[in-house]
Amino acid sequence: MEHWIIAPIVVPAIVGPMIGLTMRHDRLLQRVAGLTSSAALVGLTLALLVAAANGTVESYELGSWPAPFGIVLVLDRLSAMMVALTAILGLVVLAYAVATGWDQRGRNFHALYQFQLMGLFGAMLTGDIFNLFVFFEILLIASYGLMTHGGGRMRLRGGVQYVIFNLAGSTLFLFALGTLYAVFGSLNMADLAERAQMLPAGDAALVRVTAALLLLVFVLKGALLPVHFWLPNTYALAPAPVAALFAVMTKVGAYTVIRVYTLVFPDTLPAMDGLVSDVLVPAALITLALGMIGVLGGRTLARIAAFAAIGSMGTLFLAIGTFTETATAAALFYLVHSTLSGAAMFLVVDQVRARRGNSALALQAPMVGGGLVAAFFFIAAIAAVGMPPLSGFLGKLMILDAIRVQPWWAWGWALVLGTSLIALVGYARAGSALFWKPHDNSAPPPEDFTPEDGAQSGWGQAALGGLIALIVALTVFAGPASRYARATAAQLYTPETYIHAVLGTPQERAARAAREQALADAVHGADHAAPAHSVTEEGH
């Protein structure tokens, strides 16, 4: 499987330009190419998931340049899980966009969508922090175009805010990379992990500064307080399929925190001294409270879904910030669930908007086909809140069990349980206003509004139903999923496996060094012998 590791990056990197350059005037060809590519990516990433499930860590050296000098991609359980989740979500969301006609509302949707997937896959597979920055920029540039897809003053306004915040984050990321290279002399994550253990005590302050800068960048991507301000407007104003795909983008921030702070800057590193956990846990608790209060106070279903995304990131970072195997396993299970449930809620928002003209929590005439939409909303809301019997309840239960050994466990339990109740009330309020309160059949719809036939198509509802089915499947197969999460967490907390897969075992590195020295000696000997040979020839 070694050479297949790069396939999830190469496929969209080829299909995206091909769509933009040769199919830009043919919508049908764009759709066929986009859907075919996304379906192929699902097959590829599932094969990688199966290959990584046995615990083997594989690295792919681009150009056959060995690490740490060359660019490497690394496949382990965590990266395999993330790329498979992204590919499946990408296919379902693209199918919804095609079925509802969202892809026809602006130019270059399918090309940008492929570049977005390419950036996401690259960020999850790279073994180099500089290339993590590169793939961040690829996915962000594509997301800028997708964010403003379809136009409109409010959408453009939200897009500008999104661009400004992320450009600031990219600038900070460059500063962090410069500091990191100045301290360690490398940007390969496996190499950094080894060098971090050998740094002298005098460099501890620089290590902490570097770790803090990177953490600020990653939590900006993950919308953790106090750098969460970009998310509510961005997600509420973005086209619904784009917002649904963005549900996995915040998880990239969580992924990078897990990867970097279990591999390069673990809490066991003397220079760290609990720095990351001391920051993450309080910020996660406040983010959780803020997000769920936003759910309660939201005036539109779109903003409720956006604040629910913030709250779910608070819950996720609460588990991540504990930095124990049990808590990380719970976080990984909840990460998958919250991605699917968040995406489903944004697609429900689109179904409501298409029938009412808006998602405001105000009484209007009954929606056409409102019964099925209400059912979708009911299931997605239960999943988002974390109520039984769906996987959100199981994920939160795993997190509560994992943090009960921490000295602050009472705060964690109180906020997780209390905010779940607040979210339940908020979603019940929204459902009552949109679906269950008596409506005035004579009430006129909003001015200049015509129900959108595309969003009401059976294929669009089937795509949303497929996303709901994935949440149900995660619930049904929670046992195997949680076992995979536990195995992934165990692998993360034994970083030697990752390091040896990238750099080689000590024996392999010693043998390689011996070969290189022998080659250098042979070249050196040839250099000394050549002039003598030349003189002999001349003399002869």
Protein backbone atom coordinates (compact mmCIF):
# COMPACT_ATOMS: atom_id res chain seq x y z
CA MET A 1 0.00 0.00 0.00
CA GLU A 2 3.03 2.32 0.21
CA HIS A 3 2.52 3.97 -3.20
CA TRP A 4 -1.23 4.34 -2.68
CA ILE A 5 -0.68 6.77 0.20
CA ILE A 6 -0.25 9.65 -2.22
CA ALA A 7 -3.32 8.72 -4.30
CA PRO A 8 -5.87 10.75 -2.27
CA ILE A 9 -3.78 13.86 -2.98
CA VAL A 10 -2.97 13.10 -6.62
CA VAL A 11 -6.51 12.27 -7.74
CA PRO A 12 -8.14 15.63 -6.85
CA ALA A 13 -4.93 17.44 -7.89
CA ILE A 14 -5.42 16.04 -11.42
CA VAL A 15 -9.22 16.17 -11.60
CA GLY A 16 -9.52 19.74 -10.26
CA PRO A 17 -7.45 21.44 -13.00
CA MET A 18 -8.97 19.13 -15.61
CA ILE A 19 -12.46 20.30 -14.64
CA GLY A 20 -11.43 23.96 -14.54
CA LEU A 21 -9.56 23.93 -17.87
CA THR A 22 -11.45 21.51 -20.11
CA MET A 23 -14.98 21.22 -18.69
CA ARG A 24 -15.83 24.70 -17.50
CA HIS A 25 -18.56 25.12 -20.12
CA ASP A 26 -20.13 21.68 -19.66
CA ARG A 27 -21.95 21.28 -16.34
CA LEU A 28 -22.77 17.61 -16.95
CA LEU A 29 -19.14 16.66 -17.52
CA GLN A 30 -18.15 18.59 -14.40
CA ARG A 31 -20.67 16.67 -12.35
CA VAL A 32 -19.63 13.31 -13.75
CA ALA A 33 -15.93 14.03 -13.17
CA GLY A 34 -16.49 15.42 -9.66
CA LEU A 35 -18.72 12.55 -8.52
CA THR A 36 -16.47 9.91 -10.12
CA SER A 37 -13.40 11.39 -8.44
CA SER A 38 -15.15 11.60 -5.06
CA ALA A 39 -16.40 8.02 -5.32
CA ALA A 40 -12.91 6.82 -6.26
CA LEU A 41 -11.50 8.69 -3.25
CA VAL A 42 -13.93 6.86 -0.95
CA GLY A 43 -12.69 3.53 -2.29
CA LEU A 44 -9.03 4.56 -1.97
CA THR A 45 -9.33 5.91 1.55
CA LEU A 46 -11.30 2.90 2.77
CA ALA A 47 -8.54 0.66 1.40
CA LEU A 48 -5.99 2.77 3.29
CA LEU A 49 -8.13 2.50 6.44
CA VAL A 50 -8.13 -1.28 6.17
CA ALA A 51 -4.36 -1.30 5.58
CA ALA A 52 -3.72 0.86 8.65
CA ALA A 53 -6.10 -1.06 10.91
CA ASN A 54 -3.47 -3.68 11.79
CA GLY A 55 -1.27 -1.02 13.38
CA THR A 56 1.33 -0.76 10.62
CA VAL A 57 2.67 2.75 10.03
CA GLU A 58 3.80 3.40 6.46
CA SER A 59 5.66 6.36 5.01
CA TYR A 60 5.95 7.49 1.40
CA GLU A 61 9.07 9.41 0.38
CA LEU A 62 8.40 11.79 -2.51
CA GLY A 63 11.20 11.59 -5.08
CA SER A 64 12.80 8.84 -2.97
CA TRP A 65 14.42 11.50 -0.79
CA PRO A 66 14.68 10.04 2.72
CA ALA A 67 13.41 11.87 5.77
CA PRO A 68 14.16 14.29 7.29
CA PHE A 69 15.57 15.89 4.11
CA GLY A 70 12.73 14.94 1.75
CA ILE A 71 8.97 15.34 1.87
CA VAL A 72 7.17 12.36 3.40
CA LEU A 73 3.57 11.32 3.72
CA VAL A 74 2.68 9.07 6.63
CA LEU A 75 -0.24 6.68 7.01
CA ASP A 76 -1.16 5.49 10.48
CA ARG A 77 -4.49 4.74 12.13
CA LEU A 78 -5.25 8.41 12.84
CA SER A 79 -4.52 9.75 9.36
CA ALA A 80 -6.34 6.82 7.75
CA MET A 81 -9.44 7.48 9.86
CA MET A 82 -9.40 11.19 9.03
CA VAL A 83 -9.00 10.77 5.26
CA ALA A 84 -11.72 8.11 5.13
CA LEU A 85 -14.11 10.34 7.11
CA THR A 86 -13.35 13.30 4.83
CA ALA A 87 -13.80 11.29 1.63
CA ILE A 88 -17.15 9.84 2.72
CA LEU A 89 -18.45 13.22 3.84
CA GLY A 90 -17.12 14.81 0.63
CA LEU A 91 -18.99 12.35 -1.57
CA VAL A 92 -22.30 12.71 0.29
CA VAL A 93 -22.13 16.52 0.33
CA LEU A 94 -21.18 16.70 -3.36
CA ALA A 95 -24.08 14.39 -4.24
CA TYR A 96 -26.39 16.72 -2.31
CA ALA A 97 -24.98 19.80 -4.08
CA VAL A 98 -25.52 18.20 -7.49
CA ALA A 99 -29.01 16.92 -6.65
CA THR A 100 -30.20 20.28 -5.35
CA GLY A 101 -28.51 22.40 -8.03
CA TRP A 102 -26.20 24.24 -5.64
CA ASP A 103 -23.28 23.58 -7.97
CA GLN A 104 -24.97 25.66 -10.71
CA ARG A 105 -25.18 28.88 -8.70
CA GLY A 106 -21.62 29.98 -9.32
CA ARG A 107 -18.57 29.23 -11.40
CA ASN A 108 -15.84 26.66 -10.76
CA PHE A 109 -17.66 24.91 -7.91
CA HIS A 110 -16.46 21.42 -8.85
CA ALA A 111 -12.84 22.44 -9.46
CA LEU A 112 -12.68 24.28 -6.13
CA TYR A 113 -14.32 21.31 -4.41
CA GLN A 114 -11.56 18.99 -5.64
CA PHE A 115 -8.85 21.39 -4.49
CA GLN A 116 -10.56 21.60 -1.11
CA LEU A 117 -10.42 17.82 -0.77
CA MET A 118 -6.80 17.80 -1.90
CA GLY A 119 -5.86 20.29 0.82
CA LEU A 120 -7.73 18.34 3.48
CA PHE A 121 -6.14 15.02 2.52
CA GLY A 122 -2.67 16.55 2.33
CA ALA A 123 -2.97 18.13 5.78
CA MET A 124 -3.96 14.77 7.25
CA LEU A 125 -1.27 12.70 5.54
CA THR A 126 1.79 14.94 5.63
CA GLY A 127 4.65 14.12 7.96
CA ASP A 128 6.18 17.58 7.70
CA ILE A 129 4.96 20.73 9.47
CA PHE A 130 5.95 23.06 6.64
CA ASN A 131 3.90 21.01 4.20
CA LEU A 132 1.09 21.10 6.71
CA PHE A 133 1.19 24.87 6.22
CA VAL A 134 1.19 24.41 2.42
CA PHE A 135 -1.86 22.15 2.49
CA PHE A 136 -3.60 24.50 4.91
CA GLU A 137 -3.19 27.25 2.34
CA ILE A 138 -4.49 25.05 -0.48
CA LEU A 139 -7.65 24.15 1.40
CA LEU A 140 -8.13 27.73 2.62
CA ILE A 141 -7.77 29.24 -0.87
CA ALA A 142 -10.34 26.77 -2.20
CA SER A 143 -12.64 27.45 0.76
CA TYR A 144 -12.54 31.21 0.05
CA GLY A 145 -14.10 30.56 -3.35
CA LEU A 146 -16.58 28.02 -2.03
CA MET A 147 -17.61 30.34 0.80
CA THR A 148 -18.75 33.05 -1.62
CA HIS A 149 -20.24 30.57 -4.13
CA GLY A 150 -23.60 31.87 -5.33
CA GLY A 151 -22.83 35.49 -4.45
CA GLY A 152 -24.85 37.87 -2.31
CA ARG A 153 -23.86 40.79 -0.13
CA MET A 154 -24.12 38.96 3.20
CA ARG A 155 -22.23 35.94 1.92
CA LEU A 156 -19.46 38.17 0.59
CA ARG A 157 -19.31 39.95 3.95
CA GLY A 158 -18.98 36.66 5.81
CA GLY A 159 -16.35 35.53 3.30
CA VAL A 160 -14.23 38.64 3.84
CA GLN A 161 -14.32 38.11 7.61
CA TYR A 162 -13.34 34.47 7.09
CA VAL A 163 -10.45 35.44 4.82
CA ILE A 164 -9.10 38.07 7.24
CA PHE A 165 -9.08 35.73 10.24
CA ASN A 166 -7.42 32.91 8.32
CA LEU A 167 -4.82 35.16 6.73
CA ALA A 168 -3.90 36.30 10.23
CA GLY A 169 -3.64 32.64 11.23
CA SER A 170 -1.44 31.85 8.22
CA THR A 171 0.90 34.73 9.08
CA LEU A 172 1.17 33.48 12.65
CA PHE A 173 1.83 29.98 11.32
CA LEU A 174 4.83 31.29 9.34
CA PHE A 175 6.22 32.95 12.47
CA ALA A 176 5.80 29.66 14.34
CA LEU A 177 7.57 27.72 11.57
CA GLY A 178 10.50 30.15 11.62
CA THR A 179 10.84 29.81 15.37
CA LEU A 180 10.51 26.04 15.15
CA TYR A 181 13.27 25.75 12.56
CA ALA A 182 15.52 28.13 14.50
CA VAL A 183 15.20 25.95 17.61
CA PHE A 184 15.28 22.46 16.09
CA GLY A 185 16.86 22.82 12.65
CA SER A 186 14.19 20.58 11.14
CA LEU A 187 10.49 20.58 10.23
CA ASN A 188 9.93 16.85 9.82
CA MET A 189 7.63 15.78 12.64
CA ALA A 190 9.36 12.49 13.39
CA ASP A 191 12.74 14.22 13.42
CA LEU A 192 11.35 16.99 15.62
CA ALA A 193 10.06 14.39 18.06
CA GLU A 194 13.55 12.97 18.48
CA ARG A 195 15.30 16.32 18.69
CA ALA A 196 12.82 17.64 21.25
CA GLN A 197 13.93 14.94 23.69
CA MET A 198 17.57 15.98 23.35
CA LEU A 199 17.32 19.77 23.59
CA PRO A 200 19.33 21.37 26.40
CA ALA A 201 17.47 22.86 29.34
CA GLY A 202 18.49 26.34 28.24
CA ASP A 203 16.20 26.09 25.20
CA ALA A 204 13.08 25.30 27.27
CA ALA A 205 11.69 28.82 26.96
CA LEU A 206 12.00 28.79 23.16
CA VAL A 207 10.33 25.38 23.03
CA ARG A 208 7.39 26.69 25.03
CA VAL A 209 7.09 29.77 22.82
CA THR A 210 7.10 27.61 19.70
CA ALA A 211 4.52 25.22 21.15
CA ALA A 212 2.30 28.13 22.18
CA LEU A 213 2.47 29.75 18.71
CA LEU A 214 1.55 26.50 16.98
CA LEU A 215 -1.24 25.88 19.46
CA LEU A 216 -2.73 29.29 18.74
CA VAL A 217 -2.71 28.54 15.00
CA PHE A 218 -4.32 25.13 15.43
CA VAL A 219 -7.06 26.27 17.81
CA LEU A 220 -7.86 29.12 15.40
CA LYS A 221 -8.59 26.46 12.78
CA GLY A 222 -10.57 24.56 15.42
CA ALA A 223 -12.62 27.63 16.49
CA LEU A 224 -11.67 27.43 20.15
CA LEU A 225 -12.26 30.48 22.33
CA PRO A 226 -11.01 33.21 22.10
CA VAL A 227 -10.27 32.76 18.36
CA HIS A 228 -13.68 31.41 17.41
CA PHE A 229 -15.24 34.67 16.15
CA TRP A 230 -14.93 33.79 12.48
CA LEU A 231 -17.10 30.68 12.65
CA PRO A 232 -20.73 31.77 13.39
CA ASN A 233 -21.10 34.13 10.43
CA THR A 234 -18.99 31.98 8.12
CA TYR A 235 -21.00 28.81 8.67
CA ALA A 236 -24.39 30.52 8.91
CA LEU A 237 -23.90 32.47 5.66
CA ALA A 238 -22.02 29.88 3.59
CA PRO A 239 -23.91 27.77 1.02
CA ALA A 240 -25.34 24.80 2.89
CA PRO A 241 -23.27 22.08 1.14
CA VAL A 242 -20.13 24.16 1.73
CA ALA A 243 -20.99 24.60 5.42
CA ALA A 244 -21.57 20.84 5.63
CA LEU A 245 -18.11 20.16 4.19
CA PHE A 246 -16.66 22.81 6.51
CA ALA A 247 -17.82 20.59 9.40
CA VAL A 248 -14.64 18.59 8.86
CA MET A 249 -12.40 21.67 8.52
CA THR A 250 -12.59 22.55 12.19
CA LYS A 251 -11.68 18.93 12.90
CA VAL A 252 -8.41 19.49 11.03
CA GLY A 253 -7.50 21.88 13.85
CA ALA A 254 -8.27 19.16 16.38
CA TYR A 255 -6.33 16.60 14.33
CA THR A 256 -3.21 18.77 14.25
CA VAL A 257 -3.34 19.35 18.00
CA ILE A 258 -3.56 15.60 18.58
CA ARG A 259 -0.78 14.86 16.12
CA VAL A 260 1.74 17.54 17.13
CA TYR A 261 1.17 17.47 20.88
CA THR A 262 1.38 13.70 21.25
CA LEU A 263 4.37 13.39 18.93
CA VAL A 264 6.54 16.52 19.05
CA PHE A 265 5.47 18.35 22.22
CA PRO A 266 4.00 15.75 24.59
CA ASP A 267 3.15 16.74 28.14
CA THR A 268 5.93 14.41 29.31
CA LEU A 269 8.52 16.71 27.69
CA PRO A 270 10.24 18.59 30.56
CA ALA A 271 10.06 21.91 28.71
CA MET A 272 6.27 21.65 28.33
CA ASP A 273 5.31 21.03 31.98
CA GLY A 274 1.57 20.73 31.23
CA LEU A 275 1.50 23.95 29.18
CA VAL A 276 -0.94 22.73 26.52
CA SER A 277 -3.39 20.98 28.83
CA ASP A 278 -3.43 23.97 31.19
CA VAL A 279 -4.55 26.16 28.26
CA LEU A 280 -6.80 23.77 26.37
CA VAL A 281 -9.02 22.56 29.20
CA PRO A 282 -10.24 25.96 30.52
CA ALA A 283 -10.63 27.29 26.95
CA ALA A 284 -12.60 24.17 25.98
CA LEU A 285 -14.95 24.51 28.97
CA ILE A 286 -15.70 28.15 28.14
CA THR A 287 -16.09 27.37 24.42
CA LEU A 288 -18.54 24.59 25.24
CA ALA A 289 -20.63 26.91 27.42
CA LEU A 290 -20.54 29.73 24.86
CA GLY A 291 -21.50 27.48 21.97
CA MET A 292 -24.50 25.93 23.68
CA ILE A 293 -25.72 29.28 25.01
CA GLY A 294 -25.60 30.40 21.37
CA VAL A 295 -27.78 27.42 20.46
CA LEU A 296 -30.32 28.55 23.04
CA GLY A 297 -30.28 32.17 21.91
CA GLY A 298 -30.04 31.69 18.14
CA ARG A 299 -32.74 33.41 16.10
CA THR A 300 -32.23 31.30 12.98
CA LEU A 301 -31.62 27.61 12.53
CA ALA A 302 -28.45 28.43 10.58
CA ARG A 303 -26.90 30.29 13.53
CA ILE A 304 -28.04 27.55 15.91
CA ALA A 305 -26.19 25.00 13.75
CA ALA A 306 -23.11 27.25 13.68
CA PHE A 307 -23.03 27.71 17.46
CA ALA A 308 -23.61 23.98 17.90
CA ALA A 309 -20.43 23.45 15.87
CA ILE A 310 -18.57 25.70 18.31
CA GLY A 311 -20.00 23.80 21.28
CA SER A 312 -19.02 20.46 19.79
CA MET A 313 -15.44 21.70 19.36
CA GLY A 314 -15.44 22.68 23.03
CA THR A 315 -16.47 19.14 23.97
CA LEU A 316 -13.87 17.68 21.63
CA PHE A 317 -11.00 19.83 22.91
CA LEU A 318 -12.01 19.05 26.50
CA ALA A 319 -11.17 15.41 25.82
CA ILE A 320 -8.11 16.19 23.72
CA GLY A 321 -6.67 18.55 26.36
CA THR A 322 -6.59 15.75 28.93
CA PHE A 323 -3.87 13.97 26.91
CA THR A 324 -4.52 10.46 28.15
CA GLU A 325 -5.11 7.37 26.02
CA THR A 326 -8.66 6.92 27.28
CA ALA A 327 -9.62 10.55 26.72
CA THR A 328 -8.02 10.66 23.27
CA ALA A 329 -9.93 7.52 22.24
CA ALA A 330 -13.16 9.15 23.40
CA ALA A 331 -12.23 12.33 21.50
CA LEU A 332 -11.65 10.40 18.27
CA PHE A 333 -15.03 8.66 18.50
CA TYR A 334 -16.74 11.98 19.23
CA LEU A 335 -14.83 13.66 16.38
CA VAL A 336 -16.38 11.31 13.83
CA HIS A 337 -19.84 11.70 15.32
CA SER A 338 -19.75 15.50 15.58
CA THR A 339 -18.53 15.83 11.98
CA LEU A 340 -21.45 13.78 10.65
CA SER A 341 -24.10 15.34 12.89
CA GLY A 342 -22.90 18.90 12.20
CA ALA A 343 -22.93 18.34 8.44
CA ALA A 344 -26.40 16.81 8.62
CA MET A 345 -27.77 19.82 10.50
CA PHE A 346 -26.44 22.24 7.89
CA LEU A 347 -28.16 20.26 5.14
CA VAL A 348 -31.38 20.36 7.17
CA VAL A 349 -30.96 24.15 7.29
CA ASP A 350 -30.85 24.16 3.49
CA GLN A 351 -34.03 22.09 3.29
CA VAL A 352 -35.79 24.58 5.56
CA ARG A 353 -34.53 27.63 3.64
CA ALA A 354 -35.62 26.14 0.34
CA ARG A 355 -39.19 25.82 1.60
CA ARG A 356 -39.54 28.96 3.73
CA GLY A 357 -37.13 31.43 2.19
CA ASN A 358 -35.19 31.66 5.47
CA SER A 359 -34.42 29.66 8.59
CA ALA A 360 -35.73 32.27 11.05
CA LEU A 361 -37.55 30.88 14.09
CA ALA A 362 -40.78 32.70 13.21
CA LEU A 363 -44.23 31.35 12.49
CA GLN A 364 -44.97 31.07 8.79
CA ALA A 365 -47.18 29.08 6.49
CA PRO A 366 -46.57 25.31 6.67
CA MET A 367 -43.70 24.00 4.58
CA VAL A 368 -44.22 21.77 1.58
CA GLY A 369 -42.93 18.34 2.53
CA GLY A 370 -42.31 19.57 6.05
CA GLY A 371 -42.97 16.19 7.63
CA LEU A 372 -39.87 14.53 6.17
CA VAL A 373 -37.72 17.58 6.90
CA ALA A 374 -39.02 17.56 10.49
CA ALA A 375 -37.97 13.90 10.81
CA PHE A 376 -34.49 14.72 9.52
CA PHE A 377 -34.27 17.65 11.93
CA PHE A 378 -35.40 15.51 14.85
CA ILE A 379 -32.71 12.88 14.25
CA ALA A 380 -29.96 15.44 13.56
CA ALA A 381 -30.91 17.41 16.68
CA ILE A 382 -30.81 14.31 18.90
CA ALA A 383 -27.39 13.51 17.46
CA ALA A 384 -26.08 17.06 17.96
CA VAL A 385 -27.32 17.31 21.55
CA GLY A 386 -25.93 13.90 22.50
CA MET A 387 -29.18 12.27 23.53
CA PRO A 388 -29.64 8.50 23.54
CA PRO A 389 -29.74 6.29 21.60
CA LEU A 390 -27.50 7.85 18.93
CA SER A 391 -23.70 7.98 18.84
CA GLY A 392 -23.50 11.47 20.36
CA PHE A 393 -24.69 10.06 23.67
CA LEU A 394 -22.07 7.32 23.51
CA GLY A 395 -19.33 9.80 22.63
CA LYS A 396 -20.17 12.13 25.52
CA LEU A 397 -20.44 9.17 27.89
CA MET A 398 -16.95 8.04 26.87
CA ILE A 399 -15.60 11.56 27.44
CA LEU A 400 -17.23 11.82 30.88
CA ASP A 401 -15.77 8.46 31.85
CA ALA A 402 -12.31 9.50 30.61
CA ILE A 403 -12.15 12.79 32.53
CA ARG A 404 -13.48 11.52 35.86
CA VAL A 405 -9.92 10.86 37.08
CA GLN A 406 -8.92 14.49 36.55
CA PRO A 407 -8.90 16.95 39.46
CA TRP A 408 -11.30 19.24 37.58
CA TRP A 409 -13.72 16.45 36.68
CA ALA A 410 -16.65 18.07 38.51
CA TRP A 411 -16.43 21.18 36.30
CA GLY A 412 -16.21 19.01 33.21
CA TRP A 413 -19.20 16.87 34.13
CA ALA A 414 -21.29 19.88 35.14
CA LEU A 415 -20.62 21.73 31.89
CA VAL A 416 -21.02 18.75 29.57
CA LEU A 417 -24.30 17.69 31.17
CA GLY A 418 -25.58 21.23 31.75
CA THR A 419 -24.83 22.41 28.22
CA SER A 420 -26.44 19.27 26.80
CA LEU A 421 -29.64 20.28 28.58
CA ILE A 422 -29.30 23.86 27.27
CA ALA A 423 -28.80 22.56 23.73
CA LEU A 424 -31.82 20.30 24.09
CA VAL A 425 -33.98 23.27 25.05
CA GLY A 426 -32.53 25.32 22.18
CA TYR A 427 -33.24 22.68 19.56
CA ALA A 428 -36.69 22.00 21.02
CA ARG A 429 -37.45 25.71 20.73
CA ALA A 430 -36.27 25.72 17.11
CA GLY A 431 -38.22 22.60 16.20
CA SER A 432 -41.38 23.95 17.80
CA ALA A 433 -41.17 27.22 15.87
CA LEU A 434 -40.35 25.59 12.55
CA PHE A 435 -42.38 22.38 12.56
CA TRP A 436 -44.70 21.79 15.48
CA LYS A 437 -46.45 24.99 16.52
CA PRO A 438 -49.77 25.73 14.80
CA HIS A 439 -49.13 27.64 11.60
CA ASP A 440 -51.39 30.10 9.82
CA ASN A 441 -52.16 28.57 6.44
CA SER A 442 -53.08 31.99 5.13
CA ALA A 443 -49.77 33.57 6.16
CA PRO A 444 -47.94 34.82 3.07
CA PRO A 445 -44.41 33.59 2.37
CA PRO A 446 -41.54 36.09 2.44
CA GLU A 447 -41.54 38.61 -0.39
CA ASP A 448 -39.81 37.65 -3.64
CA PHE A 449 -39.57 34.03 -2.55
CA THR A 450 -40.30 31.02 -4.71
CA PRO A 451 -39.82 27.54 -3.23
CA GLU A 452 -36.70 25.93 -4.68
CA ASP A 453 -37.49 22.78 -6.58
CA GLY A 454 -33.88 21.58 -6.51
CA ALA A 455 -33.61 21.41 -2.74
CA GLN A 456 -36.94 19.59 -2.61
CA SER A 457 -35.81 16.90 -5.06
CA GLY A 458 -35.90 13.32 -3.94
CA TRP A 459 -32.21 12.86 -4.72
CA GLY A 460 -31.26 15.73 -2.43
CA GLN A 461 -33.33 14.27 0.38
CA ALA A 462 -31.79 10.86 -0.32
CA ALA A 463 -28.29 12.34 0.11
CA LEU A 464 -29.34 13.90 3.43
CA GLY A 465 -30.90 10.60 4.41
CA GLY A 466 -27.61 8.89 3.61
CA LEU A 467 -25.79 11.23 5.99
CA ILE A 468 -28.35 10.47 8.70
CA ALA A 469 -27.84 6.76 7.97
CA LEU A 470 -24.10 7.15 8.60
CA ILE A 471 -24.88 8.51 12.09
CA VAL A 472 -27.13 5.52 12.73
CA ALA A 473 -24.44 3.18 11.39
CA LEU A 474 -21.87 4.72 13.75
CA THR A 475 -24.30 4.02 16.60
CA VAL A 476 -24.92 0.42 15.52
CA PHE A 477 -21.21 -0.26 15.03
CA ALA A 478 -20.08 1.75 18.04
CA GLY A 479 -18.23 -1.29 19.40
CA PRO A 480 -15.83 -1.73 16.45
CA ALA A 481 -15.54 2.06 16.07
CA SER A 482 -14.58 2.56 19.72
CA ARG A 483 -12.09 -0.31 19.54
CA TYR A 484 -10.46 1.33 16.53
CA ALA A 485 -10.37 4.64 18.44
CA ARG A 486 -8.69 2.97 21.42
CA ALA A 487 -6.13 1.29 19.18
CA THR A 488 -5.45 4.63 17.48
CA ALA A 489 -4.94 6.35 20.83
CA ALA A 490 -2.56 3.61 21.94
CA GLN A 491 -0.56 4.09 18.75
CA LEU A 492 -0.42 7.84 19.28
CA TYR A 493 1.04 7.42 22.77
CA THR A 494 3.79 5.09 21.51
CA PRO A 495 5.40 7.53 19.05
CA GLU A 496 8.40 5.28 18.48
CA THR A 497 6.34 3.35 15.91
CA TYR A 498 5.73 6.55 13.92
CA ILE A 499 9.34 7.72 14.25
CA HIS A 500 10.80 4.40 13.13
CA ALA A 501 8.42 4.22 10.16
CA VAL A 502 9.60 7.64 8.95
CA LEU A 503 13.28 7.71 9.93
CA GLY A 504 13.96 4.00 10.24
CA THR A 505 14.90 1.94 13.27
CA PRO A 506 18.28 2.63 14.93
CA GLN A 507 19.71 -0.44 13.16
CA GLU A 508 18.40 0.72 9.77
CA ARG A 509 19.78 4.20 10.27
CA ALA A 510 23.17 2.82 11.32
CA ALA A 511 23.28 0.61 8.22
CA ARG A 512 22.28 3.54 5.98
CA ALA A 513 24.95 5.74 7.57
CA ALA A 514 27.55 3.03 6.96
CA ARG A 515 26.55 2.75 3.29
CA GLU A 516 26.70 6.52 2.87
CA GLN A 517 30.11 6.66 4.52
CA ALA A 518 31.39 3.87 2.29
CA LEU A 519 30.13 5.70 -0.78
CA ALA A 520 31.72 8.94 0.41
CA ASP A 521 35.02 7.16 0.99
CA ALA A 522 34.88 5.64 -2.49
CA VAL A 523 34.20 9.02 -4.09
CA HIS A 524 36.95 10.62 -1.99
CA GLY A 525 39.39 7.93 -3.05
CA ALA A 526 38.49 8.37 -6.71
CA ASP A 527 39.04 12.11 -6.45
CA HIS A 528 42.58 11.54 -5.16
CA ALA A 529 43.39 8.88 -7.73
CA ALA A 530 42.25 10.81 -10.82
CA PRO A 531 45.04 13.47 -10.94
CA ALA A 532 47.77 10.83 -10.53
CA HIS A 533 46.32 8.85 -13.44
CA SER A 534 46.26 11.98 -15.59
CA VAL A 535 49.93 12.75 -14.91
CA THR A 536 50.93 9.22 -15.84
CA GLU A 537 49.05 9.49 -19.12
CA GLU A 538 50.71 12.82 -19.93
CA GLY A 539 54.11 11.51 -19.07
CA HIS A 540 53.55 8.46 -21.21
